[in-house]
Protein backbone atom coordinates (compact mmCIF):
# COMPACT_ATOMS: atom_id res chain seq x y z
CA MET A 1 16.88 -10.29 -12.69
CA GLY A 2 15.33 -8.36 -15.58
CA LYS A 3 15.43 -4.57 -16.09
CA ILE A 4 12.56 -2.08 -15.52
CA SER A 5 11.92 1.24 -16.96
CA SER A 6 11.79 4.50 -15.01
CA LYS A 7 8.10 4.82 -16.03
CA HIS A 8 7.30 1.56 -14.57
CA LEU A 9 7.84 3.16 -11.22
CA PHE A 10 4.67 5.28 -11.78
CA PHE A 11 2.58 2.20 -11.75
CA LEU A 12 4.54 0.28 -9.05
CA ILE A 13 4.09 3.11 -6.55
CA ALA A 14 0.39 3.29 -7.18
CA SER A 15 0.06 -0.42 -6.84
CA LEU A 16 1.71 -0.25 -3.35
CA THR A 17 -0.02 2.83 -1.90
CA VAL A 18 -3.63 2.94 -3.21
CA VAL A 19 -5.45 0.34 -1.66
CA SER A 20 -4.69 0.40 2.25
CA ILE A 21 -6.19 3.80 2.91
CA LYS A 22 -9.07 3.35 0.66
CA THR A 23 -10.12 -0.14 1.85
CA TYR A 24 -10.11 0.25 5.61
CA PRO A 25 -10.33 4.20 6.51
CA THR A 26 -12.18 3.67 9.61
CA ILE A 27 -9.02 2.75 11.58
CA PHE A 28 -8.07 6.32 11.08
CA THR A 29 -11.58 7.96 11.20
CA LYS A 30 -12.39 6.52 14.45
CA LEU A 31 -9.72 8.82 15.89
CA SER A 32 -9.87 12.02 13.76
CA GLY A 33 -13.51 11.72 12.57
CA ARG A 34 -14.60 14.15 9.77
CA ASP A 35 -11.34 15.73 9.98
CA THR A 36 -9.36 12.76 8.68
CA TRP A 37 -9.16 14.29 5.17
CA ILE A 38 -6.85 17.14 7.03
CA CYS A 39 -4.74 14.42 8.71
CA LEU A 40 -4.47 12.85 5.18
CA ILE A 41 -3.17 16.02 3.66
CA PHE A 42 -0.54 16.31 6.32
CA ALA A 43 0.45 12.73 6.02
CA SER A 44 0.53 13.16 2.34
CA ILE A 45 2.93 16.15 2.69
CA PHE A 46 5.17 14.19 4.89
CA ILE A 47 5.35 11.23 2.79
CA PHE A 48 6.12 13.41 -0.34
CA PHE A 49 9.14 15.01 1.38
CA TYR A 50 10.04 11.55 2.76
CA PHE A 51 10.10 10.07 -0.56
CA SER A 52 11.78 13.17 -2.21
CA PHE A 53 14.64 12.71 0.38
CA ILE A 54 15.22 9.06 -0.35
CA LEU A 55 15.46 9.79 -4.02
CA PHE A 56 17.77 12.66 -3.54
CA VAL A 57 20.08 10.56 -1.42
CA TYR A 58 19.91 7.67 -4.25
CA LYS A 59 20.83 10.29 -6.92
CA LYS A 60 23.47 12.12 -4.80
CA LYS A 61 25.50 9.08 -3.85
CA CYS A 62 24.87 7.34 -7.15
CA CYS A 63 24.26 4.09 -5.47
CA TYR A 64 21.04 2.19 -6.08
CA ASN A 65 21.80 -1.03 -4.16
CA PHE A 66 19.37 -1.21 -1.16
CA ILE A 67 21.23 -3.90 0.64
CA GLU A 68 24.57 -2.22 0.09
CA ILE A 69 23.25 1.19 1.38
CA TYR A 70 22.14 -0.54 4.70
CA THR A 71 25.30 -2.48 5.35
CA SER A 72 27.72 0.38 4.42
CA SER A 73 25.71 2.87 6.54
CA LEU A 74 25.39 0.66 9.75
CA GLY A 75 28.16 -1.89 9.22
CA LYS A 76 27.55 -5.54 7.99
CA PHE A 77 26.20 -6.90 11.27
CA LEU A 78 23.63 -4.10 12.22
CA GLY A 79 22.68 -3.47 8.64
CA SER A 80 21.88 -7.10 8.27
CA ILE A 81 19.81 -7.19 11.13
CA LEU A 82 17.73 -4.27 9.86
CA ILE A 83 17.34 -5.86 6.36
CA GLY A 84 15.95 -8.77 8.15
CA VAL A 85 13.58 -6.36 9.94
CA PHE A 86 12.87 -5.06 6.59
CA ILE A 87 12.15 -8.60 5.25
CA LEU A 88 9.90 -9.37 8.22
CA ASN A 89 7.82 -6.34 7.48
CA LEU A 90 7.51 -7.40 3.68
CA PHE A 91 5.96 -10.57 5.15
CA LEU A 92 3.57 -8.47 7.12
CA THR A 93 2.64 -6.62 4.12
CA LEU A 94 1.90 -9.79 2.33
CA THR A 95 -0.31 -10.83 5.05
CA GLU A 96 -2.15 -7.60 5.11
CA CYS A 97 -2.68 -7.99 1.20
CA ALA A 98 -3.91 -11.54 1.35
CA SER A 99 -6.03 -11.28 4.64
CA VAL A 100 -7.73 -7.92 3.88
CA GLU A 101 -8.79 -8.96 0.46
CA ALA A 102 -10.23 -12.33 1.58
CA SER A 103 -11.95 -10.66 4.55
CA ALA A 104 -13.52 -7.88 2.25
CA MET A 105 -14.89 -10.43 -0.23
CA ASN A 106 -16.08 -12.46 2.38
CA VAL A 107 -17.86 -9.90 4.42
CA ASN A 108 -19.59 -7.89 1.55
CA PHE A 109 -19.99 -10.45 -1.48
CA LEU A 110 -19.40 -14.10 -0.75
CA ILE A 111 -20.48 -14.56 2.73
CA TYR A 112 -20.67 -18.33 2.27
CA THR A 113 -17.17 -18.80 1.04
CA ARG A 114 -14.59 -19.16 3.68
CA THR A 115 -11.59 -16.88 3.68
CA TRP A 116 -9.35 -19.81 3.39
CA GLN A 117 -10.83 -20.82 0.21
CA LEU A 118 -10.40 -17.24 -1.05
CA LEU A 119 -6.82 -17.45 -0.03
CA LEU A 120 -6.47 -20.60 -2.02
CA LEU A 121 -7.37 -18.71 -5.07
CA THR A 122 -5.12 -15.60 -4.41
CA ILE A 123 -1.85 -16.93 -3.17
CA PRO A 124 -1.09 -19.50 -5.70
CA ALA A 125 -1.89 -17.11 -8.42
CA ALA A 126 0.45 -14.52 -6.89
CA ALA A 127 3.18 -16.89 -6.70
CA TYR A 128 2.64 -18.19 -10.17
CA VAL A 129 2.94 -14.40 -11.41
CA VAL A 130 5.93 -13.80 -9.46
CA LYS A 131 7.61 -17.26 -10.51
CA ARG A 132 7.29 -16.00 -14.18
CA GLY A 133 9.36 -12.89 -13.64
CA TYR A 134 9.39 -9.28 -13.93
CA ASN A 135 7.48 -9.22 -17.20
CA ALA A 136 4.42 -11.21 -15.74
CA VAL A 137 4.56 -8.92 -12.79
CA LEU A 138 4.83 -5.59 -14.63
CA ILE A 139 2.00 -6.62 -17.17
CA SER A 140 -0.24 -7.38 -14.09
CA VAL A 141 0.47 -3.98 -12.60
CA LEU A 142 -0.01 -1.94 -15.72
CA ILE A 143 -3.46 -3.81 -16.53
CA GLY A 144 -4.43 -3.64 -12.90
CA ILE A 145 -3.80 0.13 -12.39
CA PHE A 146 -5.41 1.12 -15.77
CA PHE A 147 -8.52 -0.78 -14.77
CA ILE A 148 -8.51 0.41 -11.18
CA SER A 149 -8.00 4.17 -12.36
CA VAL A 150 -10.94 3.64 -14.96
CA SER A 151 -13.21 2.14 -12.44
CA GLY A 152 -12.26 4.96 -9.84
CA VAL A 153 -13.35 7.70 -12.08
CA MET A 154 -16.60 5.97 -13.06
CA LEU A 155 -17.38 5.48 -9.40
CA ALA A 156 -16.72 9.10 -8.80
CA ILE A 157 -19.16 10.30 -11.33
CA MET A 158 -21.86 7.72 -10.22
CA THR A 159 -21.64 8.52 -6.54
CA ALA A 160 -21.37 12.17 -7.00
CA LYS A 161 -25.09 12.91 -6.32
CA TYR A 162 -25.02 11.21 -2.96
CA LYS A 163 -22.11 13.36 -1.55
CA GLU A 164 -22.95 16.23 0.67
CA TYR A 165 -19.81 18.13 1.57
CA VAL A 166 -21.82 19.77 4.45
CA ARG A 167 -21.30 16.58 6.39
CA LEU A 168 -17.51 17.76 6.52
CA LEU A 169 -18.62 20.58 8.77
CA PRO A 170 -17.70 21.84 11.26
CA ILE A 171 -13.96 21.65 10.50
CA LEU A 172 -11.62 21.07 13.35
CA GLU A 173 -14.48 21.00 15.65
CA TYR A 174 -12.24 20.10 18.61
CA GLY A 175 -9.24 21.92 17.27
CA PHE A 176 -5.89 20.31 16.93
CA ASN A 177 -5.34 17.57 19.46
CA TYR A 178 -3.41 14.41 20.13
CA LYS A 179 -5.97 12.34 18.29
CA LEU A 180 -5.27 14.10 14.97
CA LEU A 181 -1.73 13.64 15.46
CA ILE A 182 -1.99 9.87 16.18
CA SER A 183 -4.37 9.51 13.00
CA THR A 184 -1.70 11.34 10.87
CA ILE A 185 0.87 8.90 12.14
CA LYS A 186 -1.09 5.99 11.26
CA LEU A 187 -1.95 7.48 7.79
CA ILE A 188 1.71 7.78 7.14
CA GLY A 189 2.12 4.22 8.28
CA ALA A 190 -0.51 3.26 5.56
CA TYR A 191 1.25 5.39 2.96
CA ALA A 192 4.60 3.95 3.93
CA SER A 193 4.44 1.00 1.91
CA ILE A 194 5.93 3.09 -0.77
CA ALA A 195 9.34 1.98 0.78
CA ILE A 196 8.80 -1.50 -0.57
CA ILE A 197 9.81 -0.23 -3.94
CA LEU A 198 13.38 0.88 -2.64
CA PRO A 199 15.01 -2.42 -3.59
CA LEU A 200 13.82 -2.20 -7.15
CA PHE A 201 15.65 0.86 -8.07
CA CYS A 202 18.97 -0.96 -8.79
CA ASP A 203 16.96 -2.68 -11.69
CA VAL A 204 15.91 0.48 -13.26
CA LYS A 205 17.41 1.25 -16.81
CA ASP A 206 17.35 4.95 -17.20
CA LYS A 207 18.21 5.89 -13.62
CA LYS A 208 18.31 9.48 -14.50
CA ASN A 209 14.36 9.63 -14.68
CA ILE A 210 13.83 7.87 -11.46
CA ARG A 211 13.10 11.00 -9.54
CA LEU A 212 10.66 12.38 -12.02
CA TRP A 213 8.57 9.15 -12.41
CA GLY A 214 8.82 8.53 -8.73
CA ILE A 215 7.46 11.82 -7.74
CA LEU A 216 4.73 11.71 -10.34
CA GLY A 217 3.48 8.30 -9.19
CA LEU A 218 3.33 9.60 -5.64
CA LEU A 219 1.34 12.81 -6.66
CA PHE A 220 -0.98 10.47 -8.73
CA VAL A 221 -1.68 8.60 -5.36
CA ILE A 222 -1.82 11.54 -3.09
CA GLN A 223 -4.59 13.17 -5.27
CA MET A 224 -6.65 9.90 -5.33
CA GLN A 225 -6.47 9.38 -1.62
CA ILE A 226 -7.50 12.78 -0.72
CA PHE A 227 -10.38 12.72 -3.21
CA SER A 228 -11.44 9.40 -2.16
CA MET A 229 -11.55 10.39 1.59
CA LEU A 230 -13.44 13.35 0.97
CA GLY A 231 -15.84 11.39 -1.04
CA ASN A 232 -16.23 8.78 1.58
CA LEU A 233 -16.86 11.42 4.37
CA SER A 234 -19.27 13.34 2.49
CA THR A 235 -21.33 10.22 1.81
CA PHE A 236 -22.16 9.16 5.44
CA GLU A 237 -22.53 10.85 8.64
CA ILE A 238 -19.15 10.11 10.61
CA ASP A 239 -21.00 7.91 13.27
CA ILE A 240 -22.42 5.57 10.59
CA PHE A 241 -19.28 5.88 8.65
CA ASN A 242 -17.14 4.41 11.70
CA SER A 243 -19.71 1.65 12.20
CA MET A 244 -18.62 0.12 8.96
CA SER A 245 -15.89 -2.28 8.20
CA TYR A 246 -15.24 -1.57 4.53
CA PRO A 247 -17.14 1.86 3.84
CA LYS A 248 -16.27 2.02 0.18
CA LEU A 249 -18.06 -1.20 -0.59
CA ILE A 250 -21.01 0.20 1.32
CA GLN A 251 -20.95 3.59 -0.66
CA THR A 252 -21.33 1.91 -4.02
CA GLN A 253 -24.50 0.16 -2.95
CA LEU A 254 -26.21 3.49 -2.95
CA ILE A 255 -25.74 3.77 -6.67
CA ARG A 256 -28.91 3.66 -8.65
CA HIS A 257 -29.27 5.43 -11.97
CA PHE A 258 -32.40 5.36 -14.42
CA GLY A 259 -34.23 3.27 -12.29
CA PHE A 260 -32.19 0.10 -13.15
CA LEU A 261 -28.40 0.83 -13.12
CA GLU A 262 -26.99 -0.82 -10.00
CA ALA A 263 -23.72 -2.14 -10.66
CA GLY A 264 -21.62 -0.13 -8.28
CA GLU A 265 -20.28 -2.94 -6.56
CA LEU A 266 -18.79 -4.59 -9.67
CA PHE A 267 -16.41 -1.48 -10.04
CA VAL A 268 -15.34 -1.62 -6.26
CA MET A 269 -14.86 -5.28 -6.39
CA LEU A 270 -12.45 -4.81 -9.30
CA GLN A 271 -10.56 -2.24 -6.99
CA ILE A 272 -10.32 -4.55 -4.15
CA VAL A 273 -9.55 -7.67 -5.90
CA GLY A 274 -7.21 -6.09 -8.33
CA GLY A 275 -5.65 -3.49 -6.15
CA TRP A 276 -4.76 -5.84 -3.36
CA PHE A 277 -3.55 -8.62 -5.91
CA ILE A 278 -1.15 -6.19 -7.62
CA LYS A 279 0.16 -5.06 -4.27
CA LEU A 280 0.56 -8.84 -3.23
CA ILE A 281 2.53 -9.66 -6.36
CA VAL A 282 4.89 -6.46 -6.24
CA THR A 283 5.71 -7.22 -2.67
CA LEU A 284 6.38 -10.83 -3.28
CA GLN A 285 8.67 -9.74 -6.07
CA VAL A 286 10.65 -7.39 -3.78
CA LEU A 287 10.86 -9.96 -1.15
CA MET A 288 12.28 -12.62 -3.58
CA LYS A 289 14.69 -10.10 -5.04
CA ILE A 290 16.25 -9.53 -1.44
CA LEU A 291 16.33 -13.09 -0.71
CA GLU A 292 18.09 -14.00 -4.01
CA TYR A 293 20.91 -11.86 -2.75
CA TYR A 294 21.53 -14.51 -0.20
CA LYS A 295 21.70 -17.22 -2.90
CA LEU A 296 18.76 -19.16 -1.74
CA ASN A 297 16.78 -21.38 -4.13
CA ARG A 298 14.01 -19.35 -5.80
CA THR A 299 11.29 -21.95 -6.21
CA SER A 300 11.88 -23.59 -2.78
CA VAL A 301 11.69 -20.19 -1.09
CA LEU A 302 8.51 -19.17 -3.06
CA VAL A 303 6.81 -22.33 -2.02
CA ALA A 304 7.69 -21.84 1.67
CA ILE A 305 6.69 -18.24 1.70
CA SER A 306 3.32 -19.14 0.06
CA ILE A 307 2.58 -21.81 2.67
CA ALA A 308 3.48 -19.58 5.65
CA LEU A 309 1.69 -16.68 4.21
CA PHE A 310 -1.55 -18.84 3.64
CA ILE A 311 -1.26 -19.82 7.44
CA ALA A 312 -0.75 -16.31 8.59
CA ALA A 313 -3.34 -14.70 6.46
CA TYR A 314 -6.06 -17.23 7.38
CA LEU A 315 -5.34 -16.84 11.07
CA CYS A 316 -5.77 -13.04 10.56
CA SER A 317 -8.67 -13.06 8.24
CA ARG A 318 -11.02 -15.44 10.01
CA ASN A 319 -12.28 -13.03 12.60
CA LEU A 320 -13.20 -9.58 11.29
CA PHE A 321 -12.56 -7.82 14.53
CA THR A 322 -9.23 -9.43 15.26
CA LEU A 323 -8.13 -8.48 11.71
CA PHE A 324 -8.87 -4.63 12.42
CA LYS A 325 -7.09 -4.80 15.70
CA LEU A 326 -3.97 -6.23 13.87
CA LEU A 327 -4.21 -3.70 11.09
CA ASP A 328 -4.27 -1.10 13.79
CA TYR A 329 -0.79 -2.41 14.96
CA TYR A 330 0.47 -2.88 11.62
CA VAL A 331 0.19 0.68 10.53
CA TYR A 332 2.46 1.73 13.42
CA ILE A 333 4.98 -1.18 12.66
CA ASN A 334 4.91 0.26 9.05
CA PHE A 335 5.68 3.64 10.36
CA VAL A 336 8.83 2.40 12.16
CA ASN A 337 10.26 -0.01 9.72
CA TYR A 338 9.34 1.80 6.28
CA VAL A 339 9.75 5.30 7.34
CA ILE A 340 11.75 6.06 10.64
CA ILE A 341 14.63 3.31 10.09
CA PRO A 342 14.95 4.08 6.28
CA LEU A 343 15.34 7.76 7.15
CA PHE A 344 17.79 7.03 9.58
CA VAL A 345 19.78 4.73 7.41
CA PHE A 346 19.68 6.89 4.29
CA PHE A 347 20.70 10.12 6.20
CA ILE A 348 23.78 8.29 7.64
CA PHE A 349 24.55 6.92 4.06
CA LEU A 350 24.27 10.72 2.74
CA LEU A 351 26.78 11.86 5.46
CA ARG A 352 29.33 9.17 4.45
CA PRO A 353 32.03 9.81 2.07
CA LYS A 354 30.95 9.19 -1.42
CA LYS A 355 32.10 5.93 -3.01
CA ALA A 356 31.92 4.61 -6.45
CA VAL A 357 29.39 1.91 -6.29
CA ASN A 358 26.76 0.61 -8.75
């Protein structure tokens, strides 16, 4: 495998954590309503300390080999089982990426194009990029994050006049309750895709800067998510907002400037297509990296995963209501496999006597 710079972590983290909350926020707002932005702040604080702890353990133990951390912490048998669970969750994330992208495009733009047709465009393209190696993946991520960031700034400017922050009132109308807690857990589960990047740390050349660029990347995502959630909730009344499948796509349809400028959909379409595509290729790259540890043929595995992904994504995306039910379960699964288990493993690894490993 090739090597990456610690500065690339900034973009890789953004590629993994930006799109989920922005694309389907209603699975959170149906629980916590207009107070979802408060839940998002708590989830952001939690994920910040979670990721900071993981980075601290990496640096403290001078070990960046994800598989070795699992097997040395829990033993080869149990560690291998949990690595297998992590691999299965990576496949679920791939399914999320492919199915949500196809569904969003089908529901909002290409209603006469079947989701399986959209999947036939997305999955082979992602497999081709990953087949070309780190350079192709990194170039795609860098270009994608740049244009997504630019389009996000332009959308924020163009939708500013449609936002009325009085819609956020009353704040905590029903006080703190279990719905806010559940919504916060689900938001953490959506954020938890940041754990996908953990196996890539061993390929970073300048490891002394991992913490710096990792934290900067996460802070960049956090401010973007909070600003986006506030913008969404201040654009629509909460009951109307909760009736939408993909509110961000509806929000941009309000844009009208100078009597003729109505191209907001183009910007958000770039965010949807580009954002989910780069998350797909980064996740697939991580999955292939882990499987290479077991000496599997890269091309054969990539083809097999692509076929399985197409079948799984089609079954999930062909019905919008089924997809959102599955996404509701998915964020809980993420919370367990990307947050709770890694915290447990890394805490045990921190307590173990220090070994000289690479």
